[in-house]
Amino acid sequence: DTDEAQIAYLNDAVASGDPGILASALGAVARAQSRTRGMGELARATGIKRQTLNKSLGPKGNPSLTTLVPVVEKLGLGLRFVSLRKDRRGRARGSKAPALHG
């Protein structure tokens, strides 16, 4: 998988609004990247036990920020926040696209 594909997959998981889907997607990306490095190496790099990573990043996972932040960083990713608030024209702040009304 390319970095772009993994990022698109994670963005789709975030867009779902389901924490379990996001945790599972993050776990899938971690496992895909660990084919060469191993989940044990991610555990050593983050200081988080492998069992905790597997549980937190599984389908029923609910990782804490203490788990999430170092995992994301060690995967070479970052967290970013954007405003979901709309301006008076119905556009997301920072958006240059015209608002669509249906």
PDB file of N, CA and C in Angstrom:
ATOM      1  N   ASP A   1       0.836  -1.201   0.000  1.00  0.00           N
ATOM      2  CA  ASP A   1       0.000   0.000   0.000  1.00  0.00           C
ATOM      3  C   ASP A   1       0.874   1.256   0.000  1.00  0.00           C
ATOM      4  N   THR A   2       0.459   2.227  -0.746  1.00  0.00           N
ATOM      5  CA  THR A   2       1.184   3.484  -0.771  1.00  0.00           C
ATOM      6  C   THR A   2       0.761   4.346   0.400  1.00  0.00           C
ATOM      7  N   ASP A   3       1.589   5.318   0.714  1.00  0.00           N
ATOM      8  CA  ASP A   3       1.236   6.251   1.779  1.00  0.00           C
ATOM      9  C   ASP A   3      -0.087   6.941   1.473  1.00  0.00           C
ATOM     10  N   GLU A   4      -0.279   7.325   0.208  1.00  0.00           N
ATOM     11  CA  GLU A   4      -1.507   8.028  -0.170  1.00  0.00           C
ATOM     12  C   GLU A   4      -2.735   7.159   0.053  1.00  0.00           C
ATOM     13  N   ALA A   5      -2.640   5.884  -0.276  1.00  0.00           N
ATOM     14  CA  ALA A   5      -3.759   4.966  -0.084  1.00  0.00           C
ATOM     15  C   ALA A   5      -4.059   4.785   1.403  1.00  0.00           C
ATOM     16  N   GLN A   6      -3.011   4.671   2.212  1.00  0.00           N
ATOM     17  CA  GLN A   6      -3.209   4.521   3.653  1.00  0.00           C
ATOM     18  C   GLN A   6      -3.839   5.776   4.248  1.00  0.00           C
ATOM     19  N   ILE A   7      -3.398   6.932   3.805  1.00  0.00           N
ATOM     20  CA  ILE A   7      -3.951   8.188   4.311  1.00  0.00           C
ATOM     21  C   ILE A   7      -5.411   8.326   3.892  1.00  0.00           C
ATOM     22  N   ALA A   8      -5.732   7.970   2.660  1.00  0.00           N
ATOM     23  CA  ALA A   8      -7.129   8.027   2.197  1.00  0.00           C
ATOM     24  C   ALA A   8      -7.998   7.077   3.015  1.00  0.00           C
ATOM     25  N   TYR A   9      -7.479   5.899   3.297  1.00  0.00           N
ATOM     26  CA  TYR A   9      -8.200   4.901   4.105  1.00  0.00           C
ATOM     27  C   TYR A   9      -8.472   5.451   5.504  1.00  0.00           C
ATOM     28  N   LEU A  10      -7.465   6.049   6.124  1.00  0.00           N
ATOM     29  CA  LEU A  10      -7.641   6.620   7.455  1.00  0.00           C
ATOM     30  C   LEU A  10      -8.604   7.804   7.436  1.00  0.00           C
ATOM     31  N   ASN A  11      -8.517   8.645   6.416  1.00  0.00           N
ATOM     32  CA  ASN A  11      -9.446   9.777   6.309  1.00  0.00           C
ATOM     33  C   ASN A  11     -10.885   9.303   6.157  1.00  0.00           C
ATOM     34  N   ASP A  12     -11.098   8.234   5.394  1.00  0.00           N
ATOM     35  CA  ASP A  12     -12.440   7.664   5.278  1.00  0.00           C
ATOM     36  C   ASP A  12     -12.928   7.143   6.620  1.00  0.00           C
ATOM     37  N   ALA A  13     -12.016   6.538   7.377  1.00  0.00           N
ATOM     38  CA  ALA A  13     -12.382   6.028   8.702  1.00  0.00           C
ATOM     39  C   ALA A  13     -12.767   7.172   9.634  1.00  0.00           C
ATOM     40  N   VAL A  14     -12.030   8.272   9.585  1.00  0.00           N
ATOM     41  CA  VAL A  14     -12.356   9.452  10.395  1.00  0.00           C
ATOM     42  C   VAL A  14     -13.723   9.984   9.984  1.00  0.00           C
ATOM     43  N   ALA A  15     -13.961  10.063   8.681  1.00  0.00           N
ATOM     44  CA  ALA A  15     -15.226  10.599   8.166  1.00  0.00           C
ATOM     45  C   ALA A  15     -16.425   9.752   8.589  1.00  0.00           C
ATOM     46  N   SER A  16     -16.191   8.479   8.881  1.00  0.00           N
ATOM     47  CA  SER A  16     -17.288   7.606   9.304  1.00  0.00           C
ATOM     48  C   SER A  16     -17.879   8.043  10.647  1.00  0.00           C
ATOM     49  N   GLY A  17     -17.048   8.714  11.454  1.00  0.00           N
ATOM     50  CA  GLY A  17     -17.499   9.136  12.773  1.00  0.00           C
ATOM     51  C   GLY A  17     -17.559   8.010  13.797  1.00  0.00           C
ATOM     52  N   ASP A  18     -17.104   6.839  13.416  1.00  0.00           N
ATOM     53  CA  ASP A  18     -17.148   5.669  14.296  1.00  0.00           C
ATOM     54  C   ASP A  18     -15.751   5.395  14.845  1.00  0.00           C
ATOM     55  N   PRO A  19     -15.561   5.558  16.167  1.00  0.00           N
ATOM     56  CA  PRO A  19     -14.233   5.332  16.750  1.00  0.00           C
ATOM     57  C   PRO A  19     -13.704   3.921  16.510  1.00  0.00           C
ATOM     58  N   GLY A  20     -14.575   2.930  16.486  1.00  0.00           N
ATOM     59  CA  GLY A  20     -14.145   1.555  16.239  1.00  0.00           C
ATOM     60  C   GLY A  20     -13.590   1.367  14.842  1.00  0.00           C
ATOM     61  N   ILE A  21     -14.231   2.021  13.876  1.00  0.00           N
ATOM     62  CA  ILE A  21     -13.744   1.937  12.491  1.00  0.00           C
ATOM     63  C   ILE A  21     -12.384   2.613  12.384  1.00  0.00           C
ATOM     64  N   LEU A  22     -12.233   3.758  13.042  1.00  0.00           N
ATOM     65  CA  LEU A  22     -10.942   4.448  13.019  1.00  0.00           C
ATOM     66  C   LEU A  22      -9.861   3.608  13.684  1.00  0.00           C
ATOM     67  N   ALA A  23     -10.152   3.032  14.838  1.00  0.00           N
ATOM     68  CA  ALA A  23      -9.162   2.204  15.534  1.00  0.00           C
ATOM     69  C   ALA A  23      -8.758   1.013  14.671  1.00  0.00           C
ATOM     70  N   SER A  24      -9.747   0.374  14.048  1.00  0.00           N
ATOM     71  CA  SER A  24      -9.468  -0.776  13.196  1.00  0.00           C
ATOM     72  C   SER A  24      -8.648  -0.374  11.968  1.00  0.00           C
ATOM     73  N   ALA A  25      -8.979   0.770  11.367  1.00  0.00           N
ATOM     74  CA  ALA A  25      -8.227   1.246  10.199  1.00  0.00           C
ATOM     75  C   ALA A  25      -6.785   1.570  10.579  1.00  0.00           C
ATOM     76  N   LEU A  26      -6.605   2.214  11.725  1.00  0.00           N
ATOM     77  CA  LEU A  26      -5.252   2.524  12.183  1.00  0.00           C
ATOM     78  C   LEU A  26      -4.475   1.236  12.428  1.00  0.00           C
ATOM     79  N   GLY A  27      -5.142   0.241  12.985  1.00  0.00           N
ATOM     80  CA  GLY A  27      -4.499  -1.061  13.195  1.00  0.00           C
ATOM     81  C   GLY A  27      -4.111  -1.722  11.888  1.00  0.00           C
ATOM     82  N   ALA A  28      -4.986  -1.616  10.883  1.00  0.00           N
ATOM     83  CA  ALA A  28      -4.686  -2.204   9.573  1.00  0.00           C
ATOM     84  C   ALA A  28      -3.469  -1.533   8.940  1.00  0.00           C
ATOM     85  N   VAL A  29      -3.400  -0.207   9.060  1.00  0.00           N
ATOM     86  CA  VAL A  29      -2.240   0.516   8.523  1.00  0.00           C
ATOM     87  C   VAL A  29      -0.977   0.121   9.291  1.00  0.00           C
ATOM     88  N   ALA A  30      -1.080   0.027  10.595  1.00  0.00           N
ATOM     89  CA  ALA A  30       0.078  -0.370  11.410  1.00  0.00           C
ATOM     90  C   ALA A  30       0.550  -1.764  11.025  1.00  0.00           C
ATOM     91  N   ARG A  31      -0.404  -2.676  10.821  1.00  0.00           N
ATOM     92  CA  ARG A  31      -0.028  -4.043  10.448  1.00  0.00           C
ATOM     93  C   ARG A  31       0.567  -4.085   9.040  1.00  0.00           C
ATOM     94  N   ALA A  32       0.026  -3.282   8.136  1.00  0.00           N
ATOM     95  CA  ALA A  32       0.570  -3.231   6.773  1.00  0.00           C
ATOM     96  C   ALA A  32       2.006  -2.713   6.792  1.00  0.00           C
ATOM     97  N   GLN A  33       2.248  -1.694   7.594  1.00  0.00           N
ATOM     98  CA  GLN A  33       3.603  -1.148   7.682  1.00  0.00           C
ATOM     99  C   GLN A  33       4.529  -2.081   8.446  1.00  0.00           C
ATOM    100  N   SER A  34       3.955  -2.909   9.318  1.00  0.00           N
ATOM    101  CA  SER A  34       4.794  -3.767  10.155  1.00  0.00           C
ATOM    102  C   SER A  34       5.190  -5.060   9.459  1.00  0.00           C
ATOM    103  N   ARG A  35       4.743  -5.248   8.218  1.00  0.00           N
ATOM    104  CA  ARG A  35       5.163  -6.455   7.490  1.00  0.00           C
ATOM    105  C   ARG A  35       6.676  -6.549   7.423  1.00  0.00           C
ATOM    106  N   THR A  36       7.311  -5.407   7.304  1.00  0.00           N
ATOM    107  CA  THR A  36       8.773  -5.409   7.240  1.00  0.00           C
ATOM    108  C   THR A  36       9.387  -5.161   8.611  1.00  0.00           C
ATOM    109  N   ARG A  37       8.730  -4.363   9.425  1.00  0.00           N
ATOM    110  CA  ARG A  37       9.319  -3.992  10.721  1.00  0.00           C
ATOM    111  C   ARG A  37       8.783  -4.823  11.870  1.00  0.00           C
ATOM    112  N   GLY A  38       7.582  -5.336  11.756  1.00  0.00           N
ATOM    113  CA  GLY A  38       6.982  -6.142  12.811  1.00  0.00           C
ATOM    114  C   GLY A  38       6.266  -5.285  13.845  1.00  0.00           C
ATOM    115  N   MET A  39       5.121  -5.785  14.317  1.00  0.00           N
ATOM    116  CA  MET A  39       4.341  -5.073  15.333  1.00  0.00           C
ATOM    117  C   MET A  39       5.151  -4.951  16.620  1.00  0.00           C
ATOM    118  N   GLY A  40       6.038  -5.919  16.848  1.00  0.00           N
ATOM    119  CA  GLY A  40       6.904  -5.845  18.022  1.00  0.00           C
ATOM    120  C   GLY A  40       7.808  -4.627  17.981  1.00  0.00           C
ATOM    121  N   GLU A  41       8.267  -4.265  16.788  1.00  0.00           N
ATOM    122  CA  GLU A  41       9.110  -3.073  16.663  1.00  0.00           C
ATOM    123  C   GLU A  41       8.302  -1.813  16.956  1.00  0.00           C
ATOM    124  N   LEU A  42       7.042  -1.776  16.501  1.00  0.00           N
ATOM    125  CA  LEU A  42       6.176  -0.641  16.817  1.00  0.00           C
ATOM    126  C   LEU A  42       5.961  -0.560  18.321  1.00  0.00           C
ATOM    127  N   ALA A  43       5.807  -1.711  18.951  1.00  0.00           N
ATOM    128  CA  ALA A  43       5.646  -1.747  20.405  1.00  0.00           C
ATOM    129  C   ALA A  43       6.889  -1.185  21.095  1.00  0.00           C
ATOM    130  N   ARG A  44       8.064  -1.603  20.646  1.00  0.00           N
ATOM    131  CA  ARG A  44       9.305  -1.089  21.240  1.00  0.00           C
ATOM    132  C   ARG A  44       9.463   0.408  20.982  1.00  0.00           C
ATOM    133  N   ALA A  45       9.152   0.830  19.781  1.00  0.00           N
ATOM    134  CA  ALA A  45       9.324   2.242  19.412  1.00  0.00           C
ATOM    135  C   ALA A  45       8.385   3.165  20.185  1.00  0.00           C
ATOM    136  N   THR A  46       7.197   2.663  20.499  1.00  0.00           N
ATOM    137  CA  THR A  46       6.217   3.492  21.216  1.00  0.00           C
ATOM    138  C   THR A  46       6.250   3.287  22.720  1.00  0.00           C
ATOM    139  N   GLY A  47       6.864   2.193  23.167  1.00  0.00           N
ATOM    140  CA  GLY A  47       6.849   1.870  24.588  1.00  0.00           C
ATOM    141  C   GLY A  47       5.511   1.296  25.035  1.00  0.00           C
ATOM    142  N   ILE A  48       4.718   0.846  24.078  1.00  0.00           N
ATOM    143  CA  ILE A  48       3.398   0.274  24.365  1.00  0.00           C
ATOM    144  C   ILE A  48       3.468  -1.226  24.100  1.00  0.00           C
ATOM    145  N   LYS A  49       2.942  -2.028  25.012  1.00  0.00           N
ATOM    146  CA  LYS A  49       2.980  -3.479  24.847  1.00  0.00           C
ATOM    147  C   LYS A  49       2.260  -3.899  23.573  1.00  0.00           C
ATOM    148  N   ARG A  50       2.805  -4.929  22.931  1.00  0.00           N
ATOM    149  CA  ARG A  50       2.214  -5.432  21.690  1.00  0.00           C
ATOM    150  C   ARG A  50       0.761  -5.856  21.898  1.00  0.00           C
ATOM    151  N   GLN A  51       0.473  -6.499  23.018  1.00  0.00           N
ATOM    152  CA  GLN A  51      -0.900  -6.924  23.301  1.00  0.00           C
ATOM    153  C   GLN A  51      -1.837  -5.719  23.392  1.00  0.00           C
ATOM    154  N   THR A  52      -1.355  -4.638  23.985  1.00  0.00           N
ATOM    155  CA  THR A  52      -2.157  -3.416  24.095  1.00  0.00           C
ATOM    156  C   THR A  52      -2.407  -2.821  22.719  1.00  0.00           C
ATOM    157  N   LEU A  53      -1.381  -2.824  21.872  1.00  0.00           N
ATOM    158  CA  LEU A  53      -1.548  -2.319  20.508  1.00  0.00           C
ATOM    159  C   LEU A  53      -2.579  -3.141  19.749  1.00  0.00           C
ATOM    160  N   ASN A  54      -2.450  -4.466  19.821  1.00  0.00           N
ATOM    161  CA  ASN A  54      -3.386  -5.331  19.103  1.00  0.00           C
ATOM    162  C   ASN A  54      -4.816  -5.145  19.589  1.00  0.00           C
ATOM    163  N   LYS A  55      -5.003  -5.003  20.875  1.00  0.00           N
ATOM    164  CA  LYS A  55      -6.346  -4.812  21.429  1.00  0.00           C
ATOM    165  C   LYS A  55      -6.881  -3.419  21.085  1.00  0.00           C
ATOM    166  N   SER A  56      -6.065  -2.403  21.267  1.00  0.00           N
ATOM    167  CA  SER A  56      -6.502  -1.022  21.033  1.00  0.00           C
ATOM    168  C   SER A  56      -6.782  -0.742  19.572  1.00  0.00           C
ATOM    169  N   LEU A  57      -6.041  -1.396  18.676  1.00  0.00           N
ATOM    170  CA  LEU A  57      -6.147  -1.112  17.252  1.00  0.00           C
ATOM    171  C   LEU A  57      -6.907  -2.206  16.508  1.00  0.00           C
ATOM    172  N   GLY A  58      -7.781  -2.888  17.226  1.00  0.00           N
ATOM    173  CA  GLY A  58      -8.617  -3.913  16.617  1.00  0.00           C
ATOM    174  C   GLY A  58     -10.023  -3.397  16.378  1.00  0.00           C
ATOM    175  N   PRO A  59     -10.895  -4.246  15.834  1.00  0.00           N
ATOM    176  CA  PRO A  59     -12.267  -3.837  15.500  1.00  0.00           C
ATOM    177  C   PRO A  59     -13.065  -3.297  16.683  1.00  0.00           C
ATOM    178  N   LYS A  60     -12.782  -3.791  17.875  1.00  0.00           N
ATOM    179  CA  LYS A  60     -13.483  -3.303  19.064  1.00  0.00           C
ATOM    180  C   LYS A  60     -12.598  -2.366  19.877  1.00  0.00           C
ATOM    181  N   GLY A  61     -11.537  -1.899  19.260  1.00  0.00           N
ATOM    182  CA  GLY A  61     -10.570  -1.062  19.957  1.00  0.00           C
ATOM    183  C   GLY A  61     -11.097   0.327  20.261  1.00  0.00           C
ATOM    184  N   ASN A  62     -10.526   0.894  21.299  1.00  0.00           N
ATOM    185  CA  ASN A  62     -10.845   2.255  21.708  1.00  0.00           C
ATOM    186  C   ASN A  62      -9.565   2.836  22.311  1.00  0.00           C
ATOM    187  N   PRO A  63      -8.593   3.136  21.446  1.00  0.00           N
ATOM    188  CA  PRO A  63      -7.295   3.570  21.975  1.00  0.00           C
ATOM    189  C   PRO A  63      -7.382   4.910  22.690  1.00  0.00           C
ATOM    190  N   SER A  64      -6.635   5.005  23.764  1.00  0.00           N
ATOM    191  CA  SER A  64      -6.531   6.281  24.466  1.00  0.00           C
ATOM    192  C   SER A  64      -5.605   7.191  23.670  1.00  0.00           C
ATOM    193  N   LEU A  65      -5.629   8.462  24.001  1.00  0.00           N
ATOM    194  CA  LEU A  65      -4.702   9.385  23.340  1.00  0.00           C
ATOM    195  C   LEU A  65      -3.262   8.996  23.643  1.00  0.00           C
ATOM    196  N   THR A  66      -3.033   8.422  24.816  1.00  0.00           N
ATOM    197  CA  THR A  66      -1.697   7.977  25.200  1.00  0.00           C
ATOM    198  C   THR A  66      -1.196   6.880  24.271  1.00  0.00           C
ATOM    199  N   THR A  67      -2.098   6.111  23.711  1.00  0.00           N
ATOM    200  CA  THR A  67      -1.748   5.091  22.725  1.00  0.00           C
ATOM    201  C   THR A  67      -1.758   5.674  21.325  1.00  0.00           C
ATOM    202  N   LEU A  68      -2.798   6.422  21.005  1.00  0.00           N
ATOM    203  CA  LEU A  68      -2.999   6.934  19.652  1.00  0.00           C
ATOM    204  C   LEU A  68      -1.866   7.837  19.167  1.00  0.00           C
ATOM    205  N   VAL A  69      -1.486   8.804  19.975  1.00  0.00           N
ATOM    206  CA  VAL A  69      -0.503   9.802  19.535  1.00  0.00           C
ATOM    207  C   VAL A  69       0.845   9.174  19.189  1.00  0.00           C
ATOM    208  N   PRO A  70       1.445   8.350  20.053  1.00  0.00           N
ATOM    209  CA  PRO A  70       2.739   7.772  19.670  1.00  0.00           C
ATOM    210  C   PRO A  70       2.649   6.812  18.492  1.00  0.00           C
ATOM    211  N   VAL A  71       1.547   6.081  18.369  1.00  0.00           N
ATOM    212  CA  VAL A  71       1.392   5.168  17.235  1.00  0.00           C
ATOM    213  C   VAL A  71       1.348   5.963  15.936  1.00  0.00           C
ATOM    214  N   VAL A  72       0.522   7.001  15.914  1.00  0.00           N
ATOM    215  CA  VAL A  72       0.402   7.836  14.714  1.00  0.00           C
ATOM    216  C   VAL A  72       1.762   8.413  14.341  1.00  0.00           C
ATOM    217  N   GLU A  73       2.483   8.929  15.313  1.00  0.00           N
ATOM    218  CA  GLU A  73       3.800   9.514  15.041  1.00  0.00           C
ATOM    219  C   GLU A  73       4.782   8.478  14.510  1.00  0.00           C
ATOM    220  N   LYS A  74       4.808   7.296  15.107  1.00  0.00           N
ATOM    221  CA  LYS A  74       5.762   6.267  14.669  1.00  0.00           C
ATOM    222  C   LYS A  74       5.404   5.701  13.302  1.00  0.00           C
ATOM    223  N   LEU A  75       4.144   5.862  12.892  1.00  0.00           N
ATOM    224  CA  LEU A  75       3.741   5.444  11.553  1.00  0.00           C
ATOM    225  C   LEU A  75       4.055   6.520  10.518  1.00  0.00           C
ATOM    226  N   GLY A  76       4.634   7.621  10.985  1.00  0.00           N
ATOM    227  CA  GLY A  76       4.996   8.703  10.083  1.00  0.00           C
ATOM    228  C   GLY A  76       3.807   9.556   9.677  1.00  0.00           C
ATOM    229  N   LEU A  77       2.800   9.585  10.515  1.00  0.00           N
ATOM    230  CA  LEU A  77       1.587  10.350  10.253  1.00  0.00           C
ATOM    231  C   LEU A  77       1.443  11.456  11.279  1.00  0.00           C
ATOM    232  N   GLY A  78       0.440  12.281  11.126  1.00  0.00           N
ATOM    233  CA  GLY A  78       0.172  13.342  12.087  1.00  0.00           C
ATOM    234  C   GLY A  78      -1.318  13.574  12.217  1.00  0.00           C
ATOM    235  N   LEU A  79      -1.698  14.145  13.319  1.00  0.00           N
ATOM    236  CA  LEU A  79      -3.096  14.511  13.536  1.00  0.00           C
ATOM    237  C   LEU A  79      -3.263  15.975  13.177  1.00  0.00           C
ATOM    238  N   ARG A  80      -4.405  16.307  12.602  1.00  0.00           N
ATOM    239  CA  ARG A  80      -4.675  17.683  12.217  1.00  0.00           C
ATOM    240  C   ARG A  80      -6.151  17.966  12.457  1.00  0.00           C
ATOM    241  N   PHE A  81      -6.438  19.145  12.928  1.00  0.00           N
ATOM    242  CA  PHE A  81      -7.816  19.535  13.181  1.00  0.00           C
ATOM    243  C   PHE A  81      -8.223  20.614  12.202  1.00  0.00           C
ATOM    244  N   VAL A  82      -9.451  20.520  11.710  1.00  0.00           N
ATOM    245  CA  VAL A  82     -10.014  21.524  10.820  1.00  0.00           C
ATOM    246  C   VAL A  82     -11.382  21.917  11.360  1.00  0.00           C
ATOM    247  N   SER A  83     -11.770  23.138  11.088  1.00  0.00           N
ATOM    248  CA  SER A  83     -13.068  23.621  11.536  1.00  0.00           C
ATOM    249  C   SER A  83     -14.175  23.021  10.689  1.00  0.00           C
ATOM    250  N   LEU A  84     -15.229  22.577  11.345  1.00  0.00           N
ATOM    251  CA  LEU A  84     -16.408  22.085  10.647  1.00  0.00           C
ATOM    252  C   LEU A  84     -17.515  23.129  10.657  1.00  0.00           C
ATOM    253  N   ARG A  85     -17.243  24.257  11.287  1.00  0.00           N
ATOM    254  CA  ARG A  85     -18.224  25.334  11.344  1.00  0.00           C
ATOM    255  C   ARG A  85     -18.371  25.970   9.973  1.00  0.00           C
ATOM    256  N   LYS A  86     -19.537  26.450   9.697  1.00  0.00           N
ATOM    257  CA  LYS A  86     -19.832  27.057   8.398  1.00  0.00           C
ATOM    258  C   LYS A  86     -19.863  28.570   8.526  1.00  0.00           C
ATOM    259  N   ASP A  87     -19.478  29.260   7.435  1.00  0.00           N
ATOM    260  CA  ASP A  87     -19.595  30.708   7.417  1.00  0.00           C
ATOM    261  C   ASP A  87     -21.029  31.078   7.022  1.00  0.00           C
ATOM    262  N   ARG A  88     -21.306  32.355   6.853  1.00  0.00           N
ATOM    263  CA  ARG A  88     -22.668  32.798   6.535  1.00  0.00           C
ATOM    264  C   ARG A  88     -23.171  32.279   5.194  1.00  0.00           C
ATOM    265  N   ARG A  89     -22.272  31.908   4.322  1.00  0.00           N
ATOM    266  CA  ARG A  89     -22.670  31.404   3.003  1.00  0.00           C
ATOM    267  C   ARG A  89     -22.829  29.885   2.992  1.00  0.00           C
ATOM    268  N   GLY A  90     -22.653  29.243   4.141  1.00  0.00           N
ATOM    269  CA  GLY A  90     -22.813  27.798   4.218  1.00  0.00           C
ATOM    270  C   GLY A  90     -21.583  27.007   3.842  1.00  0.00           C
ATOM    271  N   ARG A  91     -20.438  27.688   3.723  1.00  0.00           N
ATOM    272  CA  ARG A  91     -19.193  27.010   3.381  1.00  0.00           C
ATOM    273  C   ARG A  91     -18.411  26.714   4.651  1.00  0.00           C
ATOM    274  N   ALA A  92     -17.691  25.618   4.618  1.00  0.00           N
ATOM    275  CA  ALA A  92     -16.791  25.323   5.726  1.00  0.00           C
ATOM    276  C   ALA A  92     -15.736  26.416   5.762  1.00  0.00           C
ATOM    277  N   ARG A  93     -15.398  26.890   6.933  1.00  0.00           N
ATOM    278  CA  ARG A  93     -14.383  27.930   7.042  1.00  0.00           C
ATOM    279  C   ARG A  93     -13.095  27.461   6.392  1.00  0.00           C
ATOM    280  N   GLY A  94     -12.518  28.338   5.616  1.00  0.00           N
ATOM    281  CA  GLY A  94     -11.290  27.989   4.915  1.00  0.00           C
ATOM    282  C   GLY A  94     -11.548  27.380   3.549  1.00  0.00           C
ATOM    283  N   SER A  95     -12.805  27.067   3.255  1.00  0.00           N
ATOM    284  CA  SER A  95     -13.152  26.486   1.971  1.00  0.00           C
ATOM    285  C   SER A  95     -13.304  27.578   0.928  1.00  0.00           C
ATOM    286  N   LYS A  96     -12.805  27.323  -0.265  1.00  0.00           N
ATOM    287  CA  LYS A  96     -12.949  28.287  -1.357  1.00  0.00           C
ATOM    288  C   LYS A  96     -14.024  27.847  -2.327  1.00  0.00           C
ATOM    289  N   ALA A  97     -14.556  26.654  -2.113  1.00  0.00           N
ATOM    290  CA  ALA A  97     -15.589  26.141  -3.010  1.00  0.00           C
ATOM    291  C   ALA A  97     -16.931  26.753  -2.657  1.00  0.00           C
ATOM    292  N   PRO A  98     -17.772  27.004  -3.656  1.00  0.00           N
ATOM    293  CA  PRO A  98     -19.099  27.558  -3.371  1.00  0.00           C
ATOM    294  C   PRO A  98     -19.951  26.536  -2.635  1.00  0.00           C
ATOM    295  N   ALA A  99     -20.845  27.030  -1.817  1.00  0.00           N
ATOM    296  CA  ALA A  99     -21.735  26.156  -1.078  1.00  0.00           C
ATOM    297  C   ALA A  99     -22.794  25.607  -2.028  1.00  0.00           C
ATOM    298  N   LEU A 100     -23.123  24.347  -1.856  1.00  0.00           N
ATOM    299  CA  LEU A 100     -24.178  23.729  -2.639  1.00  0.00           C
ATOM    300  C   LEU A 100     -25.410  23.610  -1.777  1.00  0.00           C
ATOM    301  N   HIS A 101     -26.530  23.999  -2.306  1.00  0.00           N
ATOM    302  CA  HIS A 101     -27.784  23.907  -1.565  1.00  0.00           C
ATOM    303  C   HIS A 101     -28.725  22.984  -2.312  1.00  0.00           C
ATOM    304  N   GLY A 102     -29.328  22.070  -1.591  1.00  0.00           N
ATOM    305  CA  GLY A 102     -30.196  21.113  -2.259  1.00  0.00           C
ATOM    306  C   GLY A 102     -31.612  21.171  -1.847  1.00  0.00           C
TER     307      GLY A 102
END
